[in-house]
């Protein structure tokens, strides 16, 4: 299992536009990736509704994980997405 922990940089957290951009990026990887909040709740990272349901705010730490082939590269790419303030893009 590959894992990455990252702090959410978007100023509004993973809400609306940032959540949409993140879930789209996760879906484009073509592999199953799990997003886990600091509270321990987990969702499919490609599910916009799942991501929104976590209520992740700015500066919160989240964990991305996957046991699929190619997970290392996919998780690294998603860490970059979450480390960017997607509200300023």
N, C-alpha and C. Protein backbone atom coordinates (compact mmCIF):
# COMPACT_ATOMS: atom_id res chain seq x y z
N UNK A 1 0.86 -1.18 0.00
CA UNK A 1 0.00 0.00 0.00
C UNK A 1 0.90 1.24 0.00
N UNK A 2 0.65 2.12 -0.93
CA UNK A 2 1.37 3.39 -1.01
C UNK A 2 0.53 4.46 -0.33
N UNK A 3 1.19 5.33 0.40
CA UNK A 3 0.49 6.42 1.11
C UNK A 3 1.28 7.71 1.01
N UNK A 4 0.54 8.80 1.03
CA UNK A 4 1.12 10.14 1.10
C UNK A 4 0.27 10.96 2.05
N UNK A 5 0.91 11.74 2.89
CA UNK A 5 0.20 12.67 3.77
C UNK A 5 0.54 14.07 3.32
N UNK A 6 -0.49 14.92 3.24
CA UNK A 6 -0.30 16.27 2.72
C UNK A 6 -1.24 17.23 3.44
N UNK A 7 -0.82 18.49 3.52
CA UNK A 7 -1.65 19.54 4.10
C UNK A 7 -2.37 20.25 2.95
N UNK A 8 -3.67 20.43 3.09
CA UNK A 8 -4.49 21.06 2.05
C UNK A 8 -4.19 22.56 2.01
N UNK A 9 -3.75 23.04 0.84
CA UNK A 9 -3.33 24.43 0.70
C UNK A 9 -4.45 25.38 0.28
N UNK A 10 -5.49 24.90 -0.35
CA UNK A 10 -6.55 25.80 -0.83
C UNK A 10 -7.16 26.58 0.33
N UNK A 11 -7.34 27.86 0.13
CA UNK A 11 -7.78 28.75 1.21
C UNK A 11 -9.17 28.42 1.75
N UNK A 12 -10.00 27.74 0.97
CA UNK A 12 -11.31 27.32 1.46
C UNK A 12 -11.35 25.82 1.72
N UNK A 13 -10.21 25.17 1.66
CA UNK A 13 -10.16 23.73 1.85
C UNK A 13 -10.68 23.01 0.62
N UNK A 14 -11.14 21.78 0.82
CA UNK A 14 -11.65 21.00 -0.31
C UNK A 14 -13.15 21.17 -0.42
N UNK A 15 -13.53 22.36 -0.85
CA UNK A 15 -14.93 22.71 -1.06
C UNK A 15 -15.09 23.22 -2.48
N UNK A 16 -16.24 22.99 -3.08
CA UNK A 16 -16.61 23.50 -4.40
C UNK A 16 -15.51 23.27 -5.45
N UNK A 17 -14.94 24.34 -5.96
CA UNK A 17 -13.99 24.24 -7.06
C UNK A 17 -12.76 23.39 -6.72
N UNK A 18 -12.08 23.62 -5.58
CA UNK A 18 -10.92 22.79 -5.27
C UNK A 18 -11.26 21.29 -5.17
N UNK A 19 -12.41 20.97 -4.57
CA UNK A 19 -12.81 19.57 -4.46
C UNK A 19 -13.06 18.98 -5.84
N UNK A 20 -13.68 19.75 -6.71
CA UNK A 20 -13.96 19.30 -8.06
C UNK A 20 -12.66 19.04 -8.83
N UNK A 21 -11.74 19.98 -8.77
CA UNK A 21 -10.46 19.82 -9.47
C UNK A 21 -9.69 18.62 -8.94
N UNK A 22 -9.70 18.44 -7.62
CA UNK A 22 -8.99 17.32 -7.02
C UNK A 22 -9.63 15.99 -7.43
N UNK A 23 -10.93 15.88 -7.33
CA UNK A 23 -11.58 14.61 -7.66
C UNK A 23 -11.43 14.28 -9.14
N UNK A 24 -11.44 15.29 -10.01
CA UNK A 24 -11.21 15.07 -11.43
C UNK A 24 -9.79 14.55 -11.67
N UNK A 25 -8.82 15.12 -10.97
CA UNK A 25 -7.43 14.68 -11.10
C UNK A 25 -7.29 13.23 -10.61
N UNK A 26 -7.97 12.91 -9.53
CA UNK A 26 -7.93 11.53 -9.00
C UNK A 26 -8.54 10.56 -10.00
N UNK A 27 -9.66 10.94 -10.62
CA UNK A 27 -10.32 10.08 -11.59
C UNK A 27 -9.44 9.85 -12.81
N UNK A 28 -8.71 10.88 -13.23
CA UNK A 28 -7.86 10.78 -14.41
C UNK A 28 -6.70 9.81 -14.22
N UNK A 29 -6.33 9.50 -12.98
CA UNK A 29 -5.23 8.55 -12.75
C UNK A 29 -5.62 7.15 -13.21
N UNK A 30 -6.93 6.86 -13.22
CA UNK A 30 -7.38 5.55 -13.64
C UNK A 30 -7.22 4.45 -12.60
N UNK A 31 -6.83 4.82 -11.39
CA UNK A 31 -6.68 3.83 -10.33
C UNK A 31 -7.52 4.23 -9.12
N UNK A 32 -7.79 3.28 -8.27
CA UNK A 32 -8.58 3.54 -7.07
C UNK A 32 -7.69 4.17 -6.00
N UNK A 33 -8.08 5.36 -5.56
CA UNK A 33 -7.32 6.09 -4.54
C UNK A 33 -8.28 6.47 -3.42
N UNK A 34 -7.83 6.30 -2.20
CA UNK A 34 -8.62 6.63 -1.03
C UNK A 34 -8.10 7.92 -0.41
N UNK A 35 -9.02 8.81 -0.06
CA UNK A 35 -8.70 10.06 0.65
C UNK A 35 -9.21 9.90 2.07
N UNK A 36 -8.33 10.09 3.05
CA UNK A 36 -8.70 9.94 4.45
C UNK A 36 -8.44 11.26 5.17
N UNK A 37 -9.46 11.73 5.88
CA UNK A 37 -9.34 12.99 6.64
C UNK A 37 -8.63 12.74 7.96
N UNK A 38 -8.30 13.81 8.65
CA UNK A 38 -7.64 13.71 9.95
C UNK A 38 -8.53 13.02 10.98
N UNK A 39 -9.84 13.02 10.74
CA UNK A 39 -10.78 12.37 11.66
C UNK A 39 -10.86 10.87 11.42
N UNK A 40 -10.22 10.39 10.34
CA UNK A 40 -10.21 8.97 10.05
C UNK A 40 -11.26 8.51 9.06
N UNK A 41 -12.11 9.43 8.60
CA UNK A 41 -13.12 9.07 7.59
C UNK A 41 -12.46 8.98 6.22
N UNK A 42 -12.84 7.95 5.46
CA UNK A 42 -12.23 7.71 4.15
C UNK A 42 -13.29 7.67 3.06
N UNK A 43 -12.91 8.19 1.87
CA UNK A 43 -13.78 8.16 0.70
C UNK A 43 -12.95 7.88 -0.54
N UNK A 44 -13.63 7.53 -1.61
CA UNK A 44 -12.99 7.40 -2.91
C UNK A 44 -12.60 8.80 -3.36
N UNK A 45 -11.32 9.01 -3.64
CA UNK A 45 -10.83 10.35 -4.00
C UNK A 45 -11.44 10.87 -5.30
N UNK A 46 -11.93 9.99 -6.15
CA UNK A 46 -12.52 10.41 -7.43
C UNK A 46 -13.99 10.81 -7.29
N UNK A 47 -14.55 10.67 -6.10
CA UNK A 47 -15.96 11.00 -5.87
C UNK A 47 -16.09 12.42 -5.32
N UNK A 48 -16.60 13.33 -6.12
CA UNK A 48 -16.77 14.72 -5.68
C UNK A 48 -17.66 14.78 -4.44
N UNK A 49 -18.74 14.02 -4.43
CA UNK A 49 -19.63 14.04 -3.26
C UNK A 49 -18.93 13.48 -2.02
N UNK A 50 -18.14 12.43 -2.22
CA UNK A 50 -17.38 11.87 -1.10
C UNK A 50 -16.39 12.88 -0.54
N UNK A 51 -15.65 13.53 -1.43
CA UNK A 51 -14.66 14.52 -1.00
C UNK A 51 -15.34 15.66 -0.25
N UNK A 52 -16.44 16.16 -0.80
CA UNK A 52 -17.17 17.25 -0.14
C UNK A 52 -17.70 16.83 1.23
N UNK A 53 -18.11 15.57 1.34
CA UNK A 53 -18.70 15.09 2.59
C UNK A 53 -17.70 15.08 3.75
N UNK A 54 -16.42 15.08 3.45
CA UNK A 54 -15.40 15.08 4.51
C UNK A 54 -15.26 16.45 5.17
N UNK A 55 -15.66 17.51 4.48
CA UNK A 55 -15.57 18.84 5.06
C UNK A 55 -14.16 19.26 5.42
N UNK A 56 -13.21 18.97 4.56
CA UNK A 56 -11.80 19.25 4.82
C UNK A 56 -11.52 20.73 4.61
N UNK A 57 -10.95 21.36 5.62
CA UNK A 57 -10.65 22.78 5.57
C UNK A 57 -9.20 23.08 5.24
N UNK A 58 -8.93 24.36 5.04
CA UNK A 58 -7.57 24.84 4.76
C UNK A 58 -6.64 24.44 5.90
N UNK A 59 -5.47 23.95 5.55
CA UNK A 59 -4.46 23.60 6.54
C UNK A 59 -4.64 22.24 7.19
N UNK A 60 -5.70 21.53 6.83
CA UNK A 60 -5.92 20.20 7.41
C UNK A 60 -5.04 19.18 6.71
N UNK A 61 -4.61 18.19 7.47
CA UNK A 61 -3.79 17.12 6.94
C UNK A 61 -4.68 15.97 6.48
N UNK A 62 -4.40 15.46 5.29
CA UNK A 62 -5.14 14.32 4.75
C UNK A 62 -4.14 13.27 4.27
N UNK A 63 -4.64 12.06 4.12
CA UNK A 63 -3.80 10.96 3.63
C UNK A 63 -4.41 10.39 2.37
N UNK A 64 -3.57 10.19 1.38
CA UNK A 64 -3.95 9.55 0.13
C UNK A 64 -3.33 8.16 0.14
N UNK A 65 -4.10 7.16 -0.28
CA UNK A 65 -3.54 5.81 -0.31
C UNK A 65 -4.11 5.00 -1.45
N UNK A 66 -3.31 4.03 -1.91
CA UNK A 66 -3.73 3.13 -2.97
C UNK A 66 -2.80 1.93 -2.99
N UNK A 67 -3.34 0.77 -3.35
CA UNK A 67 -2.50 -0.41 -3.52
C UNK A 67 -2.45 -0.84 -4.98
N UNK A 68 -2.89 0.03 -5.87
CA UNK A 68 -2.90 -0.27 -7.31
C UNK A 68 -1.52 -0.10 -7.92
N UNK A 69 -1.32 -0.78 -9.04
CA UNK A 69 -0.08 -0.60 -9.78
C UNK A 69 -0.03 0.85 -10.30
N UNK A 70 1.10 1.49 -10.17
CA UNK A 70 1.25 2.88 -10.59
C UNK A 70 0.83 3.89 -9.53
N UNK A 71 0.56 3.41 -8.33
CA UNK A 71 0.08 4.29 -7.27
C UNK A 71 1.09 5.36 -6.87
N UNK A 72 2.36 5.01 -6.85
CA UNK A 72 3.39 5.97 -6.42
C UNK A 72 3.32 7.25 -7.25
N UNK A 73 3.30 7.10 -8.55
CA UNK A 73 3.26 8.25 -9.45
C UNK A 73 1.96 9.02 -9.31
N UNK A 74 0.86 8.30 -9.23
CA UNK A 74 -0.46 8.95 -9.10
C UNK A 74 -0.56 9.73 -7.80
N UNK A 75 -0.11 9.14 -6.71
CA UNK A 75 -0.18 9.83 -5.42
C UNK A 75 0.71 11.06 -5.41
N UNK A 76 1.89 10.96 -6.00
CA UNK A 76 2.77 12.13 -6.08
C UNK A 76 2.10 13.27 -6.83
N UNK A 77 1.40 12.95 -7.91
CA UNK A 77 0.72 13.99 -8.70
C UNK A 77 -0.42 14.62 -7.88
N UNK A 78 -1.14 13.81 -7.12
CA UNK A 78 -2.24 14.35 -6.32
C UNK A 78 -1.75 15.17 -5.14
N UNK A 79 -0.58 14.84 -4.62
CA UNK A 79 0.01 15.65 -3.55
C UNK A 79 0.27 17.06 -4.07
N UNK A 80 0.74 17.16 -5.30
CA UNK A 80 0.98 18.48 -5.91
C UNK A 80 -0.33 19.25 -6.02
N UNK A 81 -1.40 18.57 -6.42
CA UNK A 81 -2.71 19.23 -6.54
C UNK A 81 -3.15 19.77 -5.19
N UNK A 82 -3.05 18.95 -4.15
CA UNK A 82 -3.51 19.38 -2.82
C UNK A 82 -2.59 20.43 -2.20
N UNK A 83 -1.34 20.47 -2.61
CA UNK A 83 -0.38 21.43 -2.08
C UNK A 83 -0.46 22.79 -2.77
N UNK A 84 -1.37 22.91 -3.73
CA UNK A 84 -1.56 24.14 -4.50
C UNK A 84 -2.85 24.81 -4.04
N UNK A 85 -2.82 26.14 -3.93
CA UNK A 85 -4.04 26.86 -3.60
C UNK A 85 -4.89 26.93 -4.85
N UNK A 86 -5.81 26.00 -4.99
CA UNK A 86 -6.63 25.89 -6.20
C UNK A 86 -7.63 27.02 -6.34
N UNK A 87 -7.80 27.83 -5.30
CA UNK A 87 -8.69 28.99 -5.38
C UNK A 87 -8.02 30.14 -6.12
N UNK A 88 -6.73 30.11 -6.25
CA UNK A 88 -6.00 31.19 -6.93
C UNK A 88 -5.68 30.86 -8.37
N UNK A 89 -5.96 29.63 -8.77
CA UNK A 89 -5.65 29.18 -10.14
C UNK A 89 -6.54 29.87 -11.14
